[in-house]
């Protein structure tokens, strides 16, 4: 199933060992990963509850990870300026 990349979307990320984590899509292909882990067989909280957890990691992912449903979109909440202000600066070295 193809998904559209929409900044502010909340995604479910399946890990090995029967665990799930959750993240949120930010500008620039970034995903903020929430400090919350749940077993796959447990009922996950609503996405409104998930976004109350702190983000402990920001990473960049390829568009295909989202569009090809590797990370499943489970909800959406508009990004506020306070959300954007928390994103740390990113450094990418240009290889010459």
C-alpha atoms as a PDB file:
ATOM      1  CA  UNK A   1       0.000   0.000   0.000  1.00  0.00           C
ATOM      2  CA  UNK A   2       1.474   3.377  -1.016  1.00  0.00           C
ATOM      3  CA  UNK A   3       1.414   6.241   1.466  1.00  0.00           C
ATOM      4  CA  UNK A   4       1.892   9.956   0.975  1.00  0.00           C
ATOM      5  CA  UNK A   5       4.579  11.785   2.942  1.00  0.00           C
ATOM      6  CA  UNK A   6       2.877  14.431   5.068  1.00  0.00           C
ATOM      7  CA  UNK A   7       4.943  16.249   7.665  1.00  0.00           C
ATOM      8  CA  UNK A   8       3.322  15.818  11.073  1.00  0.00           C
ATOM      9  CA  UNK A   9       2.210  12.230  10.407  1.00  0.00           C
ATOM     10  CA  UNK A  10       2.730   9.705  13.200  1.00  0.00           C
ATOM     11  CA  UNK A  11       4.287   6.419  12.096  1.00  0.00           C
ATOM     12  CA  UNK A  12       4.507   2.942  13.573  1.00  0.00           C
ATOM     13  CA  UNK A  13       7.945   1.317  13.288  1.00  0.00           C
ATOM     14  CA  UNK A  14       8.261  -2.443  13.731  1.00  0.00           C
ATOM     15  CA  UNK A  15      11.424  -3.669  15.413  1.00  0.00           C
ATOM     16  CA  UNK A  16      12.715  -7.172  15.811  1.00  0.00           C
ATOM     17  CA  UNK A  17      11.885  -9.118  18.960  1.00  0.00           C
ATOM     18  CA  UNK A  18       8.152  -8.396  18.714  1.00  0.00           C
ATOM     19  CA  UNK A  19       8.420  -4.680  19.570  1.00  0.00           C
ATOM     20  CA  UNK A  20       7.000  -1.443  18.160  1.00  0.00           C
ATOM     21  CA  UNK A  21       8.194   2.128  18.406  1.00  0.00           C
ATOM     22  CA  UNK A  22       6.616   5.288  17.037  1.00  0.00           C
ATOM     23  CA  UNK A  23       7.860   8.376  15.273  1.00  0.00           C
ATOM     24  CA  UNK A  24       6.725  11.577  13.629  1.00  0.00           C
ATOM     25  CA  UNK A  25       7.581  12.935  10.196  1.00  0.00           C
ATOM     26  CA  UNK A  26       9.443  16.243  10.115  1.00  0.00           C
ATOM     27  CA  UNK A  27      10.721  18.393   7.242  1.00  0.00           C
ATOM     28  CA  UNK A  28      13.786  17.226   5.342  1.00  0.00           C
ATOM     29  CA  UNK A  29      13.002  13.505   5.530  1.00  0.00           C
ATOM     30  CA  UNK A  30      13.547  13.468   9.282  1.00  0.00           C
ATOM     31  CA  UNK A  31      11.740  11.164  11.664  1.00  0.00           C
ATOM     32  CA  UNK A  32      11.601  12.011  15.360  1.00  0.00           C
ATOM     33  CA  UNK A  33      11.448   8.732  17.300  1.00  0.00           C
ATOM     34  CA  UNK A  34       9.490   8.777  20.551  1.00  0.00           C
ATOM     35  CA  UNK A  35      10.890   7.364  23.784  1.00  0.00           C
ATOM     36  CA  UNK A  36       8.264   4.635  23.989  1.00  0.00           C
ATOM     37  CA  UNK A  37       8.417   0.922  23.181  1.00  0.00           C
ATOM     38  CA  UNK A  38       5.504  -1.531  23.246  1.00  0.00           C
ATOM     39  CA  UNK A  39       5.188  -5.243  22.521  1.00  0.00           C
ATOM     40  CA  UNK A  40       3.390  -6.008  19.236  1.00  0.00           C
ATOM     41  CA  UNK A  41       0.796  -8.123  21.026  1.00  0.00           C
ATOM     42  CA  UNK A  42      -0.164  -5.250  23.387  1.00  0.00           C
ATOM     43  CA  UNK A  43      -2.661  -2.568  22.440  1.00  0.00           C
ATOM     44  CA  UNK A  44      -0.671   0.547  21.525  1.00  0.00           C
ATOM     45  CA  UNK A  45      -1.789   3.909  22.876  1.00  0.00           C
ATOM     46  CA  UNK A  46      -3.638   6.359  20.648  1.00  0.00           C
ATOM     47  CA  UNK A  47      -1.489   8.645  18.537  1.00  0.00           C
ATOM     48  CA  UNK A  48      -2.599  11.554  20.742  1.00  0.00           C
ATOM     49  CA  UNK A  49      -0.991   9.772  23.717  1.00  0.00           C
ATOM     50  CA  UNK A  50       2.106   8.842  21.724  1.00  0.00           C
ATOM     51  CA  UNK A  51       2.982  12.452  20.900  1.00  0.00           C
ATOM     52  CA  UNK A  52       3.059  13.263  24.614  1.00  0.00           C
ATOM     53  CA  UNK A  53       6.212  11.141  24.977  1.00  0.00           C
ATOM     54  CA  UNK A  54       9.552  12.917  24.480  1.00  0.00           C
ATOM     55  CA  UNK A  55      11.458  12.444  21.240  1.00  0.00           C
ATOM     56  CA  UNK A  56      14.823  10.856  21.963  1.00  0.00           C
ATOM     57  CA  UNK A  57      16.236  10.486  18.445  1.00  0.00           C
ATOM     58  CA  UNK A  58      15.996  12.245  15.107  1.00  0.00           C
ATOM     59  CA  UNK A  59      17.096  10.416  11.975  1.00  0.00           C
ATOM     60  CA  UNK A  60      16.764  10.841   8.216  1.00  0.00           C
ATOM     61  CA  UNK A  61      15.029   8.144   6.163  1.00  0.00           C
ATOM     62  CA  UNK A  62      14.586   7.607   2.432  1.00  0.00           C
ATOM     63  CA  UNK A  63      11.183   8.574   1.021  1.00  0.00           C
ATOM     64  CA  UNK A  64      10.597   4.909   0.063  1.00  0.00           C
ATOM     65  CA  UNK A  65      10.517   3.956   3.739  1.00  0.00           C
ATOM     66  CA  UNK A  66       7.327   5.993   4.084  1.00  0.00           C
ATOM     67  CA  UNK A  67       5.773   5.718   0.615  1.00  0.00           C
ATOM     68  CA  UNK A  68       6.132   1.920   0.517  1.00  0.00           C
ATOM     69  CA  UNK A  69       4.675   1.529   4.026  1.00  0.00           C
ATOM     70  CA  UNK A  70       7.811   0.258   5.731  1.00  0.00           C
ATOM     71  CA  UNK A  71       6.795   2.730   8.458  1.00  0.00           C
ATOM     72  CA  UNK A  72       2.984   2.673   8.637  1.00  0.00           C
ATOM     73  CA  UNK A  73       1.229   6.030   9.075  1.00  0.00           C
ATOM     74  CA  UNK A  74      -1.241   5.737  11.961  1.00  0.00           C
ATOM     75  CA  UNK A  75      -2.253   9.343  12.544  1.00  0.00           C
ATOM     76  CA  UNK A  76      -1.596  13.015  11.928  1.00  0.00           C
ATOM     77  CA  UNK A  77      -1.239  16.172  13.951  1.00  0.00           C
ATOM     78  CA  UNK A  78      -0.196  19.490  12.457  1.00  0.00           C
ATOM     79  CA  UNK A  79       3.372  20.453  13.361  1.00  0.00           C
ATOM     80  CA  UNK A  80       3.589  23.549  15.537  1.00  0.00           C
ATOM     81  CA  UNK A  81       6.528  25.950  15.631  1.00  0.00           C
ATOM     82  CA  UNK A  82       7.486  24.538  19.054  1.00  0.00           C
ATOM     83  CA  UNK A  83       7.831  21.068  17.442  1.00  0.00           C
ATOM     84  CA  UNK A  84      10.059  22.450  14.704  1.00  0.00           C
ATOM     85  CA  UNK A  85      12.209  24.391  17.187  1.00  0.00           C
ATOM     86  CA  UNK A  86      13.188  21.127  18.926  1.00  0.00           C
ATOM     87  CA  UNK A  87      14.825  19.621  15.823  1.00  0.00           C
ATOM     88  CA  UNK A  88      18.597  19.652  16.293  1.00  0.00           C
ATOM     89  CA  UNK A  89      20.773  21.027  13.491  1.00  0.00           C
ATOM     90  CA  UNK A  90      21.901  18.439  10.972  1.00  0.00           C
ATOM     91  CA  UNK A  91      25.411  18.103   9.600  1.00  0.00           C
ATOM     92  CA  UNK A  92      26.095  16.335   6.337  1.00  0.00           C
ATOM     93  CA  UNK A  93      29.643  16.337   5.028  1.00  0.00           C
ATOM     94  CA  UNK A  94      30.028  16.926   1.329  1.00  0.00           C
ATOM     95  CA  UNK A  95      32.419  14.309  -0.052  1.00  0.00           C
ATOM     96  CA  UNK A  96      34.664  15.735  -2.752  1.00  0.00           C
END
